[in-house]
Amino acid sequence: MSKVILEIRAGAGGEEAALFAADLYRMYQKYGEKKGWKFLVLDLNQSSLGGYKSLIAQVSGEGVEQDLKYESGVHRVQRVPLTEKSGRIHTSTASVAVLPFVSPEKIKINPQDLEISFFRSSGPGGQRVNKVETAVRIVHKPSGIVVSSQAGRSQLQNREQALEILRAKLYQRQKQEIEQKTSEIRRKQIGSMQRAEKIRTYNFPQNRITDHRIGKKWHNLESILDGDLEPVIEALKKYFKDTE
């Protein structure tokens, strides 16, 4: 049993990017359902058409970290958006980050470094659905990292969930700082794990998904987006195992 923090953010492309971000989350959900995983949305910022400007979820279950660890990076989609009347193909992006669960013992956080505020949880499209300020926002002053959680029913639950996100982000930052101090060769080897790199393209007109890291293509785009992600994940696991 493992647990990760899954963060998906819309990138270039406005409303279409937000809709693509929602498609990616649904893809992981559908795949996770087959594996018996549990998904808990900790924080969500929806767009006016129901897309996701940003989403943070906790995913737990057997093999979660092993299966999702290579999903971090920028995902690119090429398709005709719902908002496009002339039928032109647009290119949009969304970033995915998969952060491992970090125990409080592994990352120590000084309470004096935290600025904690409370606000009302919101529903789809920003509609206020909670009259009590149970949602929590935490600013980690030394790093400038801001996290929030509104999934829990109480301030205490949301505070703990927000701290879980913060620990994961601080741990990730520590890893990146260590990686930046290693040799250029080592940095090239781990380059595919950086969020700024485009790792995959979803081309709707050609019904094709391409993973640029391993140079492999699949021609069943719709079924993969519907959760049939195993061939992609297994190909990535085999490739990185062979190259490590």
C-alpha atoms as a PDB file:
ATOM      1  CA  MET A   1       0.000   0.000   0.000  1.00  0.00           C
ATOM      2  CA  SER A   2       1.430   3.371  -1.016  1.00  0.00           C
ATOM      3  CA  LYS A   3       0.195   6.939  -1.185  1.00  0.00           C
ATOM      4  CA  VAL A   4       1.035   9.940  -3.360  1.00  0.00           C
ATOM      5  CA  ILE A   5      -0.035  13.519  -3.882  1.00  0.00           C
ATOM      6  CA  LEU A   6      -1.245  13.993  -7.458  1.00  0.00           C
ATOM      7  CA  GLU A   7      -1.209  17.596  -8.702  1.00  0.00           C
ATOM      8  CA  ILE A   8      -2.592  18.555 -12.120  1.00  0.00           C
ATOM      9  CA  ARG A   9      -2.523  22.139 -13.401  1.00  0.00           C
ATOM     10  CA  ALA A  10      -3.782  23.664 -16.628  1.00  0.00           C
ATOM     11  CA  GLY A  11      -0.995  25.214 -18.689  1.00  0.00           C
ATOM     12  CA  ALA A  12      -1.052  27.022 -22.024  1.00  0.00           C
ATOM     13  CA  GLY A  13      -4.415  27.040 -23.722  1.00  0.00           C
ATOM     14  CA  GLY A  14      -6.875  28.726 -21.387  1.00  0.00           C
ATOM     15  CA  GLU A  15     -10.233  26.959 -21.051  1.00  0.00           C
ATOM     16  CA  GLU A  16      -9.145  24.093 -23.307  1.00  0.00           C
ATOM     17  CA  ALA A  17      -6.108  23.452 -21.083  1.00  0.00           C
ATOM     18  CA  ALA A  18      -8.408  23.275 -18.050  1.00  0.00           C
ATOM     19  CA  LEU A  19     -10.670  20.776 -19.834  1.00  0.00           C
ATOM     20  CA  PHE A  20      -7.603  18.696 -20.736  1.00  0.00           C
ATOM     21  CA  ALA A  21      -6.453  18.764 -17.099  1.00  0.00           C
ATOM     22  CA  ALA A  22      -9.855  17.331 -16.138  1.00  0.00           C
ATOM     23  CA  ASP A  23      -9.465  14.652 -18.823  1.00  0.00           C
ATOM     24  CA  LEU A  24      -6.104  13.641 -17.366  1.00  0.00           C
ATOM     25  CA  TYR A  25      -7.513  13.320 -13.857  1.00  0.00           C
ATOM     26  CA  ARG A  26     -10.397  11.216 -15.161  1.00  0.00           C
ATOM     27  CA  MET A  27      -7.864   8.998 -16.983  1.00  0.00           C
ATOM     28  CA  TYR A  28      -5.973   8.341 -13.755  1.00  0.00           C
ATOM     29  CA  GLN A  29      -9.235   7.784 -11.867  1.00  0.00           C
ATOM     30  CA  LYS A  30     -10.483   5.249 -14.408  1.00  0.00           C
ATOM     31  CA  TYR A  31      -7.150   3.444 -14.357  1.00  0.00           C
ATOM     32  CA  GLY A  32      -7.108   3.530 -10.554  1.00  0.00           C
ATOM     33  CA  GLU A  33     -10.616   2.090 -10.306  1.00  0.00           C
ATOM     34  CA  LYS A  34      -9.393  -1.092 -11.983  1.00  0.00           C
ATOM     35  CA  LYS A  35      -6.567  -1.313  -9.451  1.00  0.00           C
ATOM     36  CA  GLY A  36      -8.732  -0.608  -6.406  1.00  0.00           C
ATOM     37  CA  TRP A  37      -7.111   2.749  -5.652  1.00  0.00           C
ATOM     38  CA  LYS A  38      -8.756   5.442  -3.546  1.00  0.00           C
ATOM     39  CA  PHE A  39      -8.863   9.084  -4.673  1.00  0.00           C
ATOM     40  CA  LEU A  40      -9.469  12.020  -2.348  1.00  0.00           C
ATOM     41  CA  VAL A  41      -9.573  15.503  -3.863  1.00  0.00           C
ATOM     42  CA  LEU A  42      -7.860  17.856  -1.421  1.00  0.00           C
ATOM     43  CA  ASP A  43      -8.091  21.074  -3.384  1.00  0.00           C
ATOM     44  CA  LEU A  44      -9.827  21.984  -6.639  1.00  0.00           C
ATOM     45  CA  ASN A  45     -10.121  25.145  -8.716  1.00  0.00           C
ATOM     46  CA  GLN A  46     -12.611  24.640 -11.552  1.00  0.00           C
ATOM     47  CA  SER A  47     -13.057  26.661 -14.728  1.00  0.00           C
ATOM     48  CA  SER A  48     -16.365  28.025 -15.981  1.00  0.00           C
ATOM     49  CA  LEU A  49     -16.857  25.039 -18.338  1.00  0.00           C
ATOM     50  CA  GLY A  50     -16.078  22.457 -15.680  1.00  0.00           C
ATOM     51  CA  GLY A  51     -12.404  22.018 -16.461  1.00  0.00           C
ATOM     52  CA  TYR A  52      -9.706  22.051 -13.792  1.00  0.00           C
ATOM     53  CA  LYS A  53      -7.454  25.077 -13.477  1.00  0.00           C
ATOM     54  CA  SER A  54      -5.741  23.101 -10.731  1.00  0.00           C
ATOM     55  CA  LEU A  55      -6.418  19.940  -8.762  1.00  0.00           C
ATOM     56  CA  ILE A  56      -4.615  18.267  -5.902  1.00  0.00           C
ATOM     57  CA  ALA A  57      -5.642  14.773  -4.864  1.00  0.00           C
ATOM     58  CA  GLN A  58      -4.411  12.089  -2.517  1.00  0.00           C
ATOM     59  CA  VAL A  59      -4.167   8.698  -4.236  1.00  0.00           C
ATOM     60  CA  SER A  60      -3.641   5.546  -2.198  1.00  0.00           C
ATOM     61  CA  GLY A  61      -3.535   1.860  -2.999  1.00  0.00           C
ATOM     62  CA  GLU A  62      -1.359  -1.019  -4.077  1.00  0.00           C
ATOM     63  CA  GLY A  63       1.380   0.050  -6.501  1.00  0.00           C
ATOM     64  CA  VAL A  64       0.299   3.699  -6.708  1.00  0.00           C
ATOM     65  CA  GLU A  65       3.766   5.225  -6.515  1.00  0.00           C
ATOM     66  CA  GLN A  66       5.346   2.638  -8.832  1.00  0.00           C
ATOM     67  CA  ASP A  67       2.665   3.123 -11.491  1.00  0.00           C
ATOM     68  CA  LEU A  68       2.430   6.919 -11.410  1.00  0.00           C
ATOM     69  CA  LYS A  69       6.031   7.934 -10.781  1.00  0.00           C
ATOM     70  CA  TYR A  70       6.762   8.481 -14.481  1.00  0.00           C
ATOM     71  CA  GLU A  71       3.661  10.615 -15.133  1.00  0.00           C
ATOM     72  CA  SER A  72       5.302  13.810 -13.843  1.00  0.00           C
ATOM     73  CA  GLY A  73       5.852  16.370 -16.568  1.00  0.00           C
ATOM     74  CA  VAL A  74       4.011  18.445 -19.138  1.00  0.00           C
ATOM     75  CA  HIS A  75       1.308  16.643 -21.120  1.00  0.00           C
ATOM     76  CA  ARG A  76       0.335  18.182 -24.470  1.00  0.00           C
ATOM     77  CA  VAL A  77      -2.971  17.789 -26.320  1.00  0.00           C
ATOM     78  CA  GLN A  78      -3.713  18.542 -29.975  1.00  0.00           C
ATOM     79  CA  ARG A  79      -7.425  18.664 -30.836  1.00  0.00           C
ATOM     80  CA  VAL A  80     -10.331  20.877 -31.854  1.00  0.00           C
ATOM     81  CA  PRO A  81     -11.570  22.446 -28.600  1.00  0.00           C
ATOM     82  CA  LEU A  82     -15.257  22.545 -27.703  1.00  0.00           C
ATOM     83  CA  THR A  83     -14.942  26.333 -27.749  1.00  0.00           C
ATOM     84  CA  GLU A  84     -13.531  26.430 -31.308  1.00  0.00           C
ATOM     85  CA  LYS A  85     -16.188  27.251 -33.922  1.00  0.00           C
ATOM     86  CA  SER A  86     -13.967  27.230 -37.010  1.00  0.00           C
ATOM     87  CA  GLY A  87     -12.712  23.674 -36.498  1.00  0.00           C
ATOM     88  CA  ARG A  88      -9.072  24.622 -36.033  1.00  0.00           C
ATOM     89  CA  ILE A  89      -6.811  22.264 -34.101  1.00  0.00           C
ATOM     90  CA  HIS A  90      -5.324  23.815 -30.963  1.00  0.00           C
ATOM     91  CA  THR A  91      -2.349  22.757 -28.875  1.00  0.00           C
ATOM     92  CA  SER A  92      -2.757  23.022 -25.121  1.00  0.00           C
ATOM     93  CA  THR A  93      -0.840  21.723 -22.121  1.00  0.00           C
ATOM     94  CA  ALA A  94      -1.334  20.576 -18.542  1.00  0.00           C
ATOM     95  CA  SER A  95       1.330  19.698 -16.010  1.00  0.00           C
ATOM     96  CA  VAL A  96       1.269  16.642 -13.771  1.00  0.00           C
ATOM     97  CA  ALA A  97       3.276  16.225 -10.589  1.00  0.00           C
ATOM     98  CA  VAL A  98       3.334  13.004  -8.582  1.00  0.00           C
ATOM     99  CA  LEU A  99       4.759  13.576  -5.122  1.00  0.00           C
ATOM    100  CA  PRO A 100       5.387  10.703  -2.705  1.00  0.00           C
ATOM    101  CA  PHE A 101       3.825  10.730   0.751  1.00  0.00           C
ATOM    102  CA  VAL A 102       6.297  12.142   3.272  1.00  0.00           C
ATOM    103  CA  SER A 103       5.979  11.350   6.968  1.00  0.00           C
ATOM    104  CA  PRO A 104       6.214  14.136   9.584  1.00  0.00           C
ATOM    105  CA  GLU A 105       9.410  12.485  10.853  1.00  0.00           C
ATOM    106  CA  LYS A 106      11.098  12.866   7.468  1.00  0.00           C
ATOM    107  CA  ILE A 107      10.346  16.564   6.962  1.00  0.00           C
ATOM    108  CA  LYS A 108      10.307  18.713  10.081  1.00  0.00           C
ATOM    109  CA  ILE A 109       8.258  21.905   9.820  1.00  0.00           C
ATOM    110  CA  ASN A 110       8.641  24.721  12.318  1.00  0.00           C
ATOM    111  CA  PRO A 111       5.151  25.981  13.275  1.00  0.00           C
ATOM    112  CA  GLN A 112       6.578  29.511  13.452  1.00  0.00           C
ATOM    113  CA  ASP A 113       7.352  29.293   9.724  1.00  0.00           C
ATOM    114  CA  LEU A 114       3.666  28.857   8.882  1.00  0.00           C
ATOM    115  CA  GLU A 115       1.034  31.456   8.122  1.00  0.00           C
ATOM    116  CA  ILE A 116      -2.357  29.733   8.413  1.00  0.00           C
ATOM    117  CA  SER A 117      -5.683  31.186   7.288  1.00  0.00           C
ATOM    118  CA  PHE A 118      -9.194  29.786   6.918  1.00  0.00           C
ATOM    119  CA  PHE A 119     -11.844  30.279   4.245  1.00  0.00           C
ATOM    120  CA  ARG A 120     -15.108  28.763   3.102  1.00  0.00           C
ATOM    121  CA  SER A 121     -15.002  25.658   0.941  1.00  0.00           C
ATOM    122  CA  SER A 122     -16.323  26.232  -2.556  1.00  0.00           C
ATOM    123  CA  GLY A 123     -18.185  24.051  -5.017  1.00  0.00           C
ATOM    124  CA  PRO A 124     -18.072  23.746  -8.814  1.00  0.00           C
ATOM    125  CA  GLY A 125     -17.381  27.014 -10.584  1.00  0.00           C
ATOM    126  CA  GLY A 126     -16.491  28.728  -7.334  1.00  0.00           C
ATOM    127  CA  GLN A 127     -20.004  28.520  -5.909  1.00  0.00           C
ATOM    128  CA  ARG A 128     -19.924  28.839  -2.143  1.00  0.00           C
ATOM    129  CA  VAL A 129     -21.396  25.713  -0.588  1.00  0.00           C
ATOM    130  CA  ASN A 130     -20.154  25.957   2.968  1.00  0.00           C
ATOM    131  CA  LYS A 131     -21.132  28.692   5.386  1.00  0.00           C
ATOM    132  CA  VAL A 132     -18.361  27.709   7.822  1.00  0.00           C
ATOM    133  CA  GLU A 133     -14.703  28.535   7.209  1.00  0.00           C
ATOM    134  CA  THR A 134     -13.366  24.984   7.287  1.00  0.00           C
ATOM    135  CA  ALA A 135     -10.964  25.214   4.327  1.00  0.00           C
ATOM    136  CA  VAL A 136      -7.323  25.888   5.201  1.00  0.00           C
ATOM    137  CA  ARG A 137      -4.595  27.773   3.390  1.00  0.00           C
ATOM    138  CA  ILE A 138      -1.000  27.533   4.611  1.00  0.00           C
ATOM    139  CA  VAL A 139       1.927  29.720   3.533  1.00  0.00           C
ATOM    140  CA  HIS A 140       5.380  28.332   4.297  1.00  0.00           C
ATOM    141  CA  LYS A 141       7.230  31.605   4.743  1.00  0.00           C
ATOM    142  CA  PRO A 142      10.848  30.413   4.225  1.00  0.00           C
ATOM    143  CA  SER A 143      10.073  28.776   0.859  1.00  0.00           C
ATOM    144  CA  GLY A 144       7.064  30.814  -0.252  1.00  0.00           C
ATOM    145  CA  ILE A 145       5.116  27.609  -0.955  1.00  0.00           C
ATOM    146  CA  VAL A 146       1.344  28.034  -0.609  1.00  0.00           C
ATOM    147  CA  VAL A 147      -0.946  25.024  -0.131  1.00  0.00           C
ATOM    148  CA  SER A 148      -4.612  24.623   0.668  1.00  0.00           C
ATOM    149  CA  SER A 149      -7.145  21.913   1.417  1.00  0.00           C
ATOM    150  CA  GLN A 150     -10.936  21.987   1.536  1.00  0.00           C
ATOM    151  CA  ALA A 151     -11.912  18.297   1.309  1.00  0.00           C
ATOM    152  CA  GLY A 152     -12.247  17.672   5.040  1.00  0.00           C
ATOM    153  CA  ARG A 153     -15.276  18.461   7.188  1.00  0.00           C
ATOM    154  CA  SER A 154     -13.278  20.359   9.793  1.00  0.00           C
ATOM    155  CA  GLN A 155     -10.434  22.839  10.038  1.00  0.00           C
ATOM    156  CA  LEU A 156      -8.340  20.169  11.778  1.00  0.00           C
ATOM    157  CA  GLN A 157      -8.781  17.675   8.918  1.00  0.00           C
ATOM    158  CA  ASN A 158      -7.977  20.258   6.284  1.00  0.00           C
ATOM    159  CA  ARG A 159      -4.986  21.529   8.240  1.00  0.00           C
ATOM    160  CA  GLU A 160      -3.500  18.018   8.381  1.00  0.00           C
ATOM    161  CA  GLN A 161      -4.164  17.443   4.682  1.00  0.00           C
ATOM    162  CA  ALA A 162      -2.622  20.804   3.769  1.00  0.00           C
ATOM    163  CA  LEU A 163       0.458  19.937   5.835  1.00  0.00           C
ATOM    164  CA  GLU A 164       0.700  16.632   3.981  1.00  0.00           C
ATOM    165  CA  ILE A 165       0.792  18.514   0.680  1.00  0.00           C
ATOM    166  CA  LEU A 166       3.361  20.951   2.080  1.00  0.00           C
ATOM    167  CA  ARG A 167       5.662  18.165   3.279  1.00  0.00           C
ATOM    168  CA  ALA A 168       5.496  16.525  -0.149  1.00  0.00           C
ATOM    169  CA  LYS A 169       6.360  19.804  -1.893  1.00  0.00           C
ATOM    170  CA  LEU A 170       9.217  20.573   0.508  1.00  0.00           C
ATOM    171  CA  TYR A 171      10.606  17.067   0.039  1.00  0.00           C
ATOM    172  CA  GLN A 172      10.403  17.458  -3.735  1.00  0.00           C
ATOM    173  CA  ARG A 173      12.210  20.787  -3.549  1.00  0.00           C
ATOM    174  CA  GLN A 174      14.965  19.224  -1.439  1.00  0.00           C
ATOM    175  CA  LYS A 175      15.385  16.449  -4.014  1.00  0.00           C
ATOM    176  CA  GLN A 176      15.604  18.961  -6.854  1.00  0.00           C
ATOM    177  CA  GLU A 177      18.223  21.001  -5.005  1.00  0.00           C
ATOM    178  CA  ILE A 178      20.313  17.861  -4.485  1.00  0.00           C
ATOM    179  CA  GLU A 179      19.903  16.889  -8.148  1.00  0.00           C
ATOM    180  CA  GLN A 180      21.065  20.333  -9.268  1.00  0.00           C
ATOM    181  CA  LYS A 181      24.315  19.791  -7.400  1.00  0.00           C
ATOM    182  CA  THR A 182      25.080  16.501  -9.155  1.00  0.00           C
ATOM    183  CA  SER A 183      26.983  16.059 -12.406  1.00  0.00           C
ATOM    184  CA  GLU A 184      25.604  17.094 -15.803  1.00  0.00           C
ATOM    185  CA  ILE A 185      25.366  13.444 -16.817  1.00  0.00           C
ATOM    186  CA  ARG A 186      23.203  12.618 -13.828  1.00  0.00           C
ATOM    187  CA  ARG A 187      20.952  15.609 -14.521  1.00  0.00           C
ATOM    188  CA  LYS A 188      20.410  14.407 -18.084  1.00  0.00           C
ATOM    189  CA  GLN A 189      19.439  10.980 -16.802  1.00  0.00           C
ATOM    190  CA  ILE A 190      16.752  12.389 -14.527  1.00  0.00           C
ATOM    191  CA  GLY A 191      15.701  15.137 -16.945  1.00  0.00           C
ATOM    192  CA  SER A 192      12.565  13.258 -17.943  1.00  0.00           C
ATOM    193  CA  MET A 193      11.213  13.669 -14.428  1.00  0.00           C
ATOM    194  CA  GLN A 194      11.193  17.455 -14.542  1.00  0.00           C
ATOM    195  CA  ARG A 195       7.768  19.087 -14.817  1.00  0.00           C
ATOM    196  CA  ALA A 196       8.962  21.649 -17.401  1.00  0.00           C
ATOM    197  CA  GLU A 197       9.639  18.945 -19.998  1.00  0.00           C
ATOM    198  CA  LYS A 198       6.945  17.859 -22.459  1.00  0.00           C
ATOM    199  CA  ILE A 199       6.733  14.143 -21.879  1.00  0.00           C
ATOM    200  CA  ARG A 200       3.661  13.112 -23.867  1.00  0.00           C
ATOM    201  CA  THR A 201       1.421  14.291 -26.714  1.00  0.00           C
ATOM    202  CA  TYR A 202      -2.235  13.321 -27.136  1.00  0.00           C
ATOM    203  CA  ASN A 203      -3.047  13.863 -30.831  1.00  0.00           C
ATOM    204  CA  PHE A 204      -6.791  13.503 -31.425  1.00  0.00           C
ATOM    205  CA  PRO A 205      -6.878  13.962 -35.245  1.00  0.00           C
ATOM    206  CA  GLN A 206      -4.456  11.038 -35.642  1.00  0.00           C
ATOM    207  CA  ASN A 207      -5.862   9.019 -32.707  1.00  0.00           C
ATOM    208  CA  ARG A 208      -2.335   8.781 -31.353  1.00  0.00           C
ATOM    209  CA  ILE A 209      -0.522   9.127 -28.048  1.00  0.00           C
ATOM    210  CA  THR A 210       3.251   9.584 -28.162  1.00  0.00           C
ATOM    211  CA  ASP A 211       5.547   9.347 -25.163  1.00  0.00           C
ATOM    212  CA  HIS A 212       8.568  11.402 -26.188  1.00  0.00           C
ATOM    213  CA  ARG A 213      10.902   9.949 -23.566  1.00  0.00           C
ATOM    214  CA  ILE A 214      10.774   6.436 -24.961  1.00  0.00           C
ATOM    215  CA  GLY A 215       9.740   7.251 -28.544  1.00  0.00           C
ATOM    216  CA  LYS A 216       6.730   4.941 -28.390  1.00  0.00           C
ATOM    217  CA  LYS A 217       3.282   5.509 -29.926  1.00  0.00           C
ATOM    218  CA  TRP A 218      -0.166   4.081 -29.239  1.00  0.00           C
ATOM    219  CA  HIS A 219      -3.148   4.418 -31.601  1.00  0.00           C
ATOM    220  CA  ASN A 220      -6.007   3.906 -29.150  1.00  0.00           C
ATOM    221  CA  LEU A 221      -6.178   7.385 -27.657  1.00  0.00           C
ATOM    222  CA  GLU A 222      -9.816   7.285 -26.547  1.00  0.00           C
ATOM    223  CA  SER A 223      -9.462   4.001 -24.666  1.00  0.00           C
ATOM    224  CA  ILE A 224      -6.270   5.179 -22.947  1.00  0.00           C
ATOM    225  CA  LEU A 225      -8.014   8.367 -21.809  1.00  0.00           C
ATOM    226  CA  ASP A 226     -10.815   6.109 -20.596  1.00  0.00           C
ATOM    227  CA  GLY A 227      -8.411   4.382 -18.228  1.00  0.00           C
ATOM    228  CA  ASP A 228      -6.661   1.802 -20.414  1.00  0.00           C
ATOM    229  CA  LEU A 229      -3.311   3.210 -19.334  1.00  0.00           C
ATOM    230  CA  GLU A 230      -1.559  -0.038 -18.437  1.00  0.00           C
ATOM    231  CA  PRO A 231       0.328  -0.523 -21.750  1.00  0.00           C
ATOM    232  CA  VAL A 232       1.790   2.988 -21.418  1.00  0.00           C
ATOM    233  CA  ILE A 233       2.726   2.581 -17.762  1.00  0.00           C
ATOM    234  CA  GLU A 234       4.269  -0.860 -18.301  1.00  0.00           C
ATOM    235  CA  ALA A 235       6.329   0.398 -21.255  1.00  0.00           C
ATOM    236  CA  LEU A 236       7.657   3.270 -19.137  1.00  0.00           C
ATOM    237  CA  LYS A 237       8.477   1.011 -16.190  1.00  0.00           C
ATOM    238  CA  LYS A 238      10.352  -1.401 -18.448  1.00  0.00           C
ATOM    239  CA  TYR A 239      12.265   1.381 -20.208  1.00  0.00           C
ATOM    240  CA  PHE A 240      13.395   3.144 -17.047  1.00  0.00           C
ATOM    241  CA  LYS A 241      14.231  -0.126 -15.331  1.00  0.00           C
ATOM    242  CA  ASP A 242      16.463  -1.064 -18.270  1.00  0.00           C
ATOM    243  CA  THR A 243      18.183   2.349 -18.286  1.00  0.00           C
ATOM    244  CA  GLU A 244      18.677   2.818 -14.533  1.00  0.00           C
END
